[in-house]
């Protein structure tokens, strides 16, 4: 099975997270600060340079105030 990082579905996932961040009125730096990570962490997953594991995904959703199952329900 080829890697998912460049797949259309993974791109859709990152786009949903970017939209959620923007809807929350947050910058990458603000999200990173709440996660205890550098801003480059957010930039890399939003830019498709880094894959998120499920725990990171759940933590990001929590910071953004969204339900993880709502983000992935259409997949």
PDB file of N, CA and C in Angstrom:
ATOM      1  N   UNK A   1       0.852  -1.182   0.000  1.00  0.00           N
ATOM      2  CA  UNK A   1       0.000   0.000   0.000  1.00  0.00           C
ATOM      3  C   UNK A   1       0.893   1.240   0.000  1.00  0.00           C
ATOM      4  N   UNK A   2       0.700   2.127  -0.958  1.00  0.00           N
ATOM      5  CA  UNK A   2       1.521   3.334  -1.010  1.00  0.00           C
ATOM      6  C   UNK A   2       1.239   4.249   0.170  1.00  0.00           C
ATOM      7  N   UNK A   3       2.200   5.108   0.483  1.00  0.00           N
ATOM      8  CA  UNK A   3       2.033   6.036   1.596  1.00  0.00           C
ATOM      9  C   UNK A   3       0.857   6.977   1.385  1.00  0.00           C
ATOM     10  N   UNK A   4       0.255   7.362   2.472  1.00  0.00           N
ATOM     11  CA  UNK A   4      -0.942   8.207   2.383  1.00  0.00           C
ATOM     12  C   UNK A   4      -0.634   9.693   2.401  1.00  0.00           C
ATOM     13  N   UNK A   5       0.604  10.072   2.718  1.00  0.00           N
ATOM     14  CA  UNK A   5       0.922  11.482   2.917  1.00  0.00           C
ATOM     15  C   UNK A   5       0.548  12.352   1.720  1.00  0.00           C
ATOM     16  N   UNK A   6       0.769  11.866   0.515  1.00  0.00           N
ATOM     17  CA  UNK A   6       0.441  12.653  -0.669  1.00  0.00           C
ATOM     18  C   UNK A   6      -0.892  12.310  -1.295  1.00  0.00           C
ATOM     19  N   UNK A   7      -1.674  11.473  -0.638  1.00  0.00           N
ATOM     20  CA  UNK A   7      -2.947  11.042  -1.215  1.00  0.00           C
ATOM     21  C   UNK A   7      -3.999  12.145  -1.151  1.00  0.00           C
ATOM     22  N   UNK A   8      -4.981  12.019  -2.009  1.00  0.00           N
ATOM     23  CA  UNK A   8      -6.081  12.994  -2.032  1.00  0.00           C
ATOM     24  C   UNK A   8      -6.832  12.999  -0.697  1.00  0.00           C
ATOM     25  N   UNK A   9      -6.983  11.847  -0.078  1.00  0.00           N
ATOM     26  CA  UNK A   9      -7.704  11.774   1.204  1.00  0.00           C
ATOM     27  C   UNK A   9      -6.926  12.463   2.315  1.00  0.00           C
ATOM     28  N   UNK A  10      -5.601  12.292   2.319  1.00  0.00           N
ATOM     29  CA  UNK A  10      -4.807  12.957   3.347  1.00  0.00           C
ATOM     30  C   UNK A  10      -4.808  14.461   3.123  1.00  0.00           C
ATOM     31  N   UNK A  11      -4.753  14.874   1.866  1.00  0.00           N
ATOM     32  CA  UNK A  11      -4.836  16.297   1.542  1.00  0.00           C
ATOM     33  C   UNK A  11      -6.157  16.869   2.042  1.00  0.00           C
ATOM     34  N   UNK A  12      -7.237  16.152   1.851  1.00  0.00           N
ATOM     35  CA  UNK A  12      -8.549  16.598   2.341  1.00  0.00           C
ATOM     36  C   UNK A  12      -8.540  16.721   3.866  1.00  0.00           C
ATOM     37  N   UNK A  13      -7.914  15.779   4.546  1.00  0.00           N
ATOM     38  CA  UNK A  13      -7.831  15.840   6.005  1.00  0.00           C
ATOM     39  C   UNK A  13      -7.092  17.103   6.447  1.00  0.00           C
ATOM     40  N   UNK A  14      -5.950  17.375   5.846  1.00  0.00           N
ATOM     41  CA  UNK A  14      -5.201  18.569   6.246  1.00  0.00           C
ATOM     42  C   UNK A  14      -5.967  19.838   5.896  1.00  0.00           C
ATOM     43  N   UNK A  15      -6.660  19.841   4.774  1.00  0.00           N
ATOM     44  CA  UNK A  15      -7.472  21.008   4.423  1.00  0.00           C
ATOM     45  C   UNK A  15      -8.573  21.239   5.447  1.00  0.00           C
ATOM     46  N   UNK A  16      -9.168  20.170   5.948  1.00  0.00           N
ATOM     47  CA  UNK A  16     -10.201  20.308   6.980  1.00  0.00           C
ATOM     48  C   UNK A  16      -9.614  20.884   8.267  1.00  0.00           C
ATOM     49  N   UNK A  17      -8.415  20.455   8.619  1.00  0.00           N
ATOM     50  CA  UNK A  17      -7.767  20.990   9.822  1.00  0.00           C
ATOM     51  C   UNK A  17      -7.390  22.457   9.641  1.00  0.00           C
ATOM     52  N   UNK A  18      -6.944  22.822   8.456  1.00  0.00           N
ATOM     53  CA  UNK A  18      -6.616  24.227   8.179  1.00  0.00           C
ATOM     54  C   UNK A  18      -7.877  25.083   8.279  1.00  0.00           C
ATOM     55  N   UNK A  19      -8.973  24.615   7.670  1.00  0.00           N
ATOM     56  CA  UNK A  19     -10.243  25.361   7.742  1.00  0.00           C
ATOM     57  C   UNK A  19     -10.703  25.514   9.184  1.00  0.00           C
ATOM     58  N   UNK A  20     -10.578  24.435   9.954  1.00  0.00           N
ATOM     59  CA  UNK A  20     -10.995  24.488  11.363  1.00  0.00           C
ATOM     60  C   UNK A  20     -10.140  25.491  12.134  1.00  0.00           C
ATOM     61  N   UNK A  21      -8.846  25.513  11.862  1.00  0.00           N
ATOM     62  CA  UNK A  21      -7.974  26.478  12.537  1.00  0.00           C
ATOM     63  C   UNK A  21      -8.376  27.897  12.179  1.00  0.00           C
ATOM     64  N   UNK A  22      -8.615  28.140  10.906  1.00  0.00           N
ATOM     65  CA  UNK A  22      -9.012  29.479  10.467  1.00  0.00           C
ATOM     66  C   UNK A  22     -10.376  29.859  11.033  1.00  0.00           C
ATOM     67  N   UNK A  23     -11.314  28.917  11.049  1.00  0.00           N
ATOM     68  CA  UNK A  23     -12.640  29.179  11.621  1.00  0.00           C
ATOM     69  C   UNK A  23     -12.549  29.509  13.104  1.00  0.00           C
ATOM     70  N   UNK A  24     -11.558  28.923  13.777  1.00  0.00           N
ATOM     71  CA  UNK A  24     -11.346  29.204  15.197  1.00  0.00           C
ATOM     72  C   UNK A  24     -10.609  30.520  15.408  1.00  0.00           C
ATOM     73  N   UNK A  25     -10.176  31.147  14.313  1.00  0.00           N
ATOM     74  CA  UNK A  25      -9.465  32.420  14.402  1.00  0.00           C
ATOM     75  C   UNK A  25      -8.077  32.278  15.000  1.00  0.00           C
ATOM     76  N   UNK A  26      -7.466  31.124  14.779  1.00  0.00           N
ATOM     77  CA  UNK A  26      -6.155  30.859  15.373  1.00  0.00           C
ATOM     78  C   UNK A  26      -5.062  30.848  14.305  1.00  0.00           C
ATOM     79  N   UNK A  27      -3.878  31.270  14.715  1.00  0.00           N
ATOM     80  CA  UNK A  27      -2.708  31.181  13.855  1.00  0.00           C
ATOM     81  C   UNK A  27      -2.018  29.839  14.092  1.00  0.00           C
ATOM     82  N   UNK A  28      -1.116  29.500  13.187  1.00  0.00           N
ATOM     83  CA  UNK A  28      -0.324  28.289  13.394  1.00  0.00           C
ATOM     84  C   UNK A  28       0.434  28.374  14.712  1.00  0.00           C
ATOM     85  N   UNK A  29       0.968  29.535  15.003  1.00  0.00           N
ATOM     86  CA  UNK A  29       1.741  29.717  16.238  1.00  0.00           C
ATOM     87  C   UNK A  29       0.876  29.495  17.476  1.00  0.00           C
ATOM     88  N   UNK A  30      -0.367  29.945  17.445  1.00  0.00           N
ATOM     89  CA  UNK A  30      -1.257  29.755  18.587  1.00  0.00           C
ATOM     90  C   UNK A  30      -1.591  28.278  18.793  1.00  0.00           C
ATOM     91  N   UNK A  31      -1.848  27.571  17.705  1.00  0.00           N
ATOM     92  CA  UNK A  31      -2.129  26.140  17.802  1.00  0.00           C
ATOM     93  C   UNK A  31      -0.904  25.423  18.364  1.00  0.00           C
ATOM     94  N   UNK A  32       0.251  25.739  17.808  1.00  0.00           N
ATOM     95  CA  UNK A  32       1.488  25.105  18.257  1.00  0.00           C
ATOM     96  C   UNK A  32       1.743  25.368  19.735  1.00  0.00           C
ATOM     97  N   UNK A  33       1.518  26.598  20.163  1.00  0.00           N
ATOM     98  CA  UNK A  33       1.731  26.943  21.568  1.00  0.00           C
ATOM     99  C   UNK A  33       0.839  26.103  22.479  1.00  0.00           C
ATOM    100  N   UNK A  34      -0.409  25.935  22.108  1.00  0.00           N
ATOM    101  CA  UNK A  34      -1.335  25.145  22.930  1.00  0.00           C
ATOM    102  C   UNK A  34      -0.990  23.663  22.923  1.00  0.00           C
ATOM    103  N   UNK A  35      -0.314  23.228  21.861  1.00  0.00           N
ATOM    104  CA  UNK A  35       0.120  21.834  21.782  1.00  0.00           C
ATOM    105  C   UNK A  35       1.477  21.606  22.451  1.00  0.00           C
ATOM    106  N   UNK A  36       2.157  22.709  22.774  1.00  0.00           N
ATOM    107  CA  UNK A  36       3.494  22.590  23.337  1.00  0.00           C
ATOM    108  C   UNK A  36       4.527  22.197  22.290  1.00  0.00           C
ATOM    109  N   UNK A  37       4.279  22.618  21.055  1.00  0.00           N
ATOM    110  CA  UNK A  37       5.143  22.286  19.919  1.00  0.00           C
ATOM    111  C   UNK A  37       5.625  23.574  19.258  1.00  0.00           C
ATOM    112  N   UNK A  38       6.665  23.492  18.434  1.00  0.00           N
ATOM    113  CA  UNK A  38       7.082  24.668  17.674  1.00  0.00           C
ATOM    114  C   UNK A  38       6.091  24.943  16.536  1.00  0.00           C
ATOM    115  N   UNK A  39       6.049  26.173  16.078  1.00  0.00           N
ATOM    116  CA  UNK A  39       5.157  26.550  14.976  1.00  0.00           C
ATOM    117  C   UNK A  39       5.426  25.703  13.735  1.00  0.00           C
ATOM    118  N   UNK A  40       6.665  25.293  13.543  1.00  0.00           N
ATOM    119  CA  UNK A  40       7.013  24.483  12.368  1.00  0.00           C
ATOM    120  C   UNK A  40       6.283  23.138  12.361  1.00  0.00           C
ATOM    121  N   UNK A  41       5.906  22.620  13.525  1.00  0.00           N
ATOM    122  CA  UNK A  41       5.127  21.382  13.598  1.00  0.00           C
ATOM    123  C   UNK A  41       3.812  21.551  12.854  1.00  0.00           C
ATOM    124  N   UNK A  42       3.121  22.655  13.134  1.00  0.00           N
ATOM    125  CA  UNK A  42       1.835  22.930  12.471  1.00  0.00           C
ATOM    126  C   UNK A  42       2.059  23.199  10.991  1.00  0.00           C
ATOM    127  N   UNK A  43       3.063  23.988  10.664  1.00  0.00           N
ATOM    128  CA  UNK A  43       3.351  24.302   9.262  1.00  0.00           C
ATOM    129  C   UNK A  43       3.642  23.038   8.458  1.00  0.00           C
ATOM    130  N   UNK A  44       4.353  22.107   9.061  1.00  0.00           N
ATOM    131  CA  UNK A  44       4.710  20.885   8.338  1.00  0.00           C
ATOM    132  C   UNK A  44       3.523  19.970   8.103  1.00  0.00           C
ATOM    133  N   UNK A  45       2.640  19.798   9.094  1.00  0.00           N
ATOM    134  CA  UNK A  45       1.490  18.933   8.804  1.00  0.00           C
ATOM    135  C   UNK A  45       0.494  19.637   7.898  1.00  0.00           C
ATOM    136  N   UNK A  46       0.354  20.950   8.026  1.00  0.00           N
ATOM    137  CA  UNK A  46      -0.552  21.667   7.129  1.00  0.00           C
ATOM    138  C   UNK A  46      -0.014  21.693   5.700  1.00  0.00           C
ATOM    139  N   UNK A  47       1.297  21.709   5.557  1.00  0.00           N
ATOM    140  CA  UNK A  47       1.918  21.755   4.233  1.00  0.00           C
ATOM    141  C   UNK A  47       2.152  20.387   3.614  1.00  0.00           C
ATOM    142  N   UNK A  48       1.766  19.342   4.300  1.00  0.00           N
ATOM    143  CA  UNK A  48       1.915  17.995   3.761  1.00  0.00           C
ATOM    144  C   UNK A  48       3.321  17.435   3.865  1.00  0.00           C
ATOM    145  N   UNK A  49       4.155  18.042   4.685  1.00  0.00           N
ATOM    146  CA  UNK A  49       5.523  17.551   4.864  1.00  0.00           C
ATOM    147  C   UNK A  49       5.618  16.533   6.003  1.00  0.00           C
ATOM    148  N   UNK A  50       4.602  16.453   6.831  1.00  0.00           N
ATOM    149  CA  UNK A  50       4.648  15.597   8.004  1.00  0.00           C
ATOM    150  C   UNK A  50       3.312  14.913   8.195  1.00  0.00           C
ATOM    151  N   UNK A  51       3.366  13.628   8.496  1.00  0.00           N
ATOM    152  CA  UNK A  51       2.147  12.865   8.765  1.00  0.00           C
ATOM    153  C   UNK A  51       1.805  12.966  10.252  1.00  0.00           C
ATOM    154  N   UNK A  52       0.533  13.055  10.549  1.00  0.00           N
ATOM    155  CA  UNK A  52       0.066  13.068  11.937  1.00  0.00           C
ATOM    156  C   UNK A  52      -0.267  11.656  12.377  1.00  0.00           C
ATOM    157  N   UNK A  53       0.084  11.338  13.615  1.00  0.00           N
ATOM    158  CA  UNK A  53      -0.424  10.081  14.150  1.00  0.00           C
ATOM    159  C   UNK A  53      -1.771  10.365  14.809  1.00  0.00           C
ATOM    160  N   UNK A  54      -2.459   9.331  15.193  1.00  0.00           N
ATOM    161  CA  UNK A  54      -3.831   9.493  15.687  1.00  0.00           C
ATOM    162  C   UNK A  54      -3.877  10.311  16.980  1.00  0.00           C
ATOM    163  N   UNK A  55      -2.890  10.155  17.847  1.00  0.00           N
ATOM    164  CA  UNK A  55      -2.880  10.914  19.098  1.00  0.00           C
ATOM    165  C   UNK A  55      -2.675  12.400  18.813  1.00  0.00           C
ATOM    166  N   UNK A  56      -1.757  12.714  17.902  1.00  0.00           N
ATOM    167  CA  UNK A  56      -1.541  14.113  17.522  1.00  0.00           C
ATOM    168  C   UNK A  56      -2.808  14.702  16.912  1.00  0.00           C
ATOM    169  N   UNK A  57      -3.469  13.922  16.048  1.00  0.00           N
ATOM    170  CA  UNK A  57      -4.704  14.368  15.412  1.00  0.00           C
ATOM    171  C   UNK A  57      -5.775  14.708  16.455  1.00  0.00           C
ATOM    172  N   UNK A  58      -5.945  13.833  17.427  1.00  0.00           N
ATOM    173  CA  UNK A  58      -6.939  14.068  18.479  1.00  0.00           C
ATOM    174  C   UNK A  58      -6.575  15.313  19.290  1.00  0.00           C
ATOM    175  N   UNK A  59      -5.301  15.469  19.617  1.00  0.00           N
ATOM    176  CA  UNK A  59      -4.858  16.653  20.367  1.00  0.00           C
ATOM    177  C   UNK A  59      -5.110  17.932  19.587  1.00  0.00           C
ATOM    178  N   UNK A  60      -4.852  17.908  18.294  1.00  0.00           N
ATOM    179  CA  UNK A  60      -5.087  19.089  17.451  1.00  0.00           C
ATOM    180  C   UNK A  60      -6.577  19.415  17.418  1.00  0.00           C
ATOM    181  N   UNK A  61      -7.403  18.403  17.243  1.00  0.00           N
ATOM    182  CA  UNK A  61      -8.855  18.628  17.236  1.00  0.00           C
ATOM    183  C   UNK A  61      -9.313  19.259  18.547  1.00  0.00           C
ATOM    184  N   UNK A  62      -8.765  18.784  19.653  1.00  0.00           N
ATOM    185  CA  UNK A  62      -9.133  19.332  20.961  1.00  0.00           C
ATOM    186  C   UNK A  62      -8.775  20.812  21.041  1.00  0.00           C
ATOM    187  N   UNK A  63      -7.569  21.164  20.600  1.00  0.00           N
ATOM    188  CA  UNK A  63      -7.131  22.563  20.614  1.00  0.00           C
ATOM    189  C   UNK A  63      -8.039  23.418  19.737  1.00  0.00           C
ATOM    190  N   UNK A  64      -8.476  22.861  18.597  1.00  0.00           N
ATOM    191  CA  UNK A  64      -9.323  23.608  17.668  1.00  0.00           C
ATOM    192  C   UNK A  64     -10.795  23.619  18.077  1.00  0.00           C
ATOM    193  N   UNK A  65     -11.137  22.828  19.089  1.00  0.00           N
ATOM    194  CA  UNK A  65     -12.519  22.786  19.559  1.00  0.00           C
ATOM    195  C   UNK A  65     -13.447  22.036  18.630  1.00  0.00           C
ATOM    196  N   UNK A  66     -12.912  21.020  17.946  1.00  0.00           N
ATOM    197  CA  UNK A  66     -13.724  20.224  17.024  1.00  0.00           C
ATOM    198  C   UNK A  66     -13.653  18.761  17.426  1.00  0.00           C
ATOM    199  N   UNK A  67     -14.663  18.008  17.024  1.00  0.00           N
ATOM    200  CA  UNK A  67     -14.706  16.582  17.332  1.00  0.00           C
ATOM    201  C   UNK A  67     -13.951  15.797  16.254  1.00  0.00           C
ATOM    202  N   UNK A  68     -13.007  14.958  16.650  1.00  0.00           N
ATOM    203  CA  UNK A  68     -12.260  14.187  15.666  1.00  0.00           C
ATOM    204  C   UNK A  68     -13.152  13.376  14.734  1.00  0.00           C
ATOM    205  N   UNK A  69     -14.194  12.770  15.286  1.00  0.00           N
ATOM    206  CA  UNK A  69     -15.076  11.975  14.442  1.00  0.00           C
ATOM    207  C   UNK A  69     -15.819  12.835  13.414  1.00  0.00           C
ATOM    208  N   UNK A  70     -16.043  14.094  13.722  1.00  0.00           N
ATOM    209  CA  UNK A  70     -16.682  14.994  12.765  1.00  0.00           C
ATOM    210  C   UNK A  70     -15.772  15.317  11.591  1.00  0.00           C
ATOM    211  N   UNK A  71     -14.474  15.352  11.838  1.00  0.00           N
ATOM    212  CA  UNK A  71     -13.510  15.647  10.786  1.00  0.00           C
ATOM    213  C   UNK A  71     -13.406  14.486   9.814  1.00  0.00           C
ATOM    214  N   UNK A  72     -13.458  13.267  10.311  1.00  0.00           N
ATOM    215  CA  UNK A  72     -13.226  12.098   9.461  1.00  0.00           C
ATOM    216  C   UNK A  72     -14.498  11.323   9.088  1.00  0.00           C
ATOM    217  N   UNK A  73     -15.643  11.798   9.486  1.00  0.00           N
ATOM    218  CA  UNK A  73     -16.873  11.019   9.282  1.00  0.00           C
ATOM    219  C   UNK A  73     -17.170  10.703   7.825  1.00  0.00           C
ATOM    220  N   UNK A  74     -16.762  11.540   6.880  1.00  0.00           N
ATOM    221  CA  UNK A  74     -17.059  11.317   5.468  1.00  0.00           C
ATOM    222  C   UNK A  74     -16.012  10.459   4.761  1.00  0.00           C
ATOM    223  N   UNK A  75     -14.963  10.086   5.487  1.00  0.00           N
ATOM    224  CA  UNK A  75     -13.934   9.267   4.868  1.00  0.00           C
ATOM    225  C   UNK A  75     -14.407   7.843   4.825  1.00  0.00           C
TER     226      UNK A  75
END
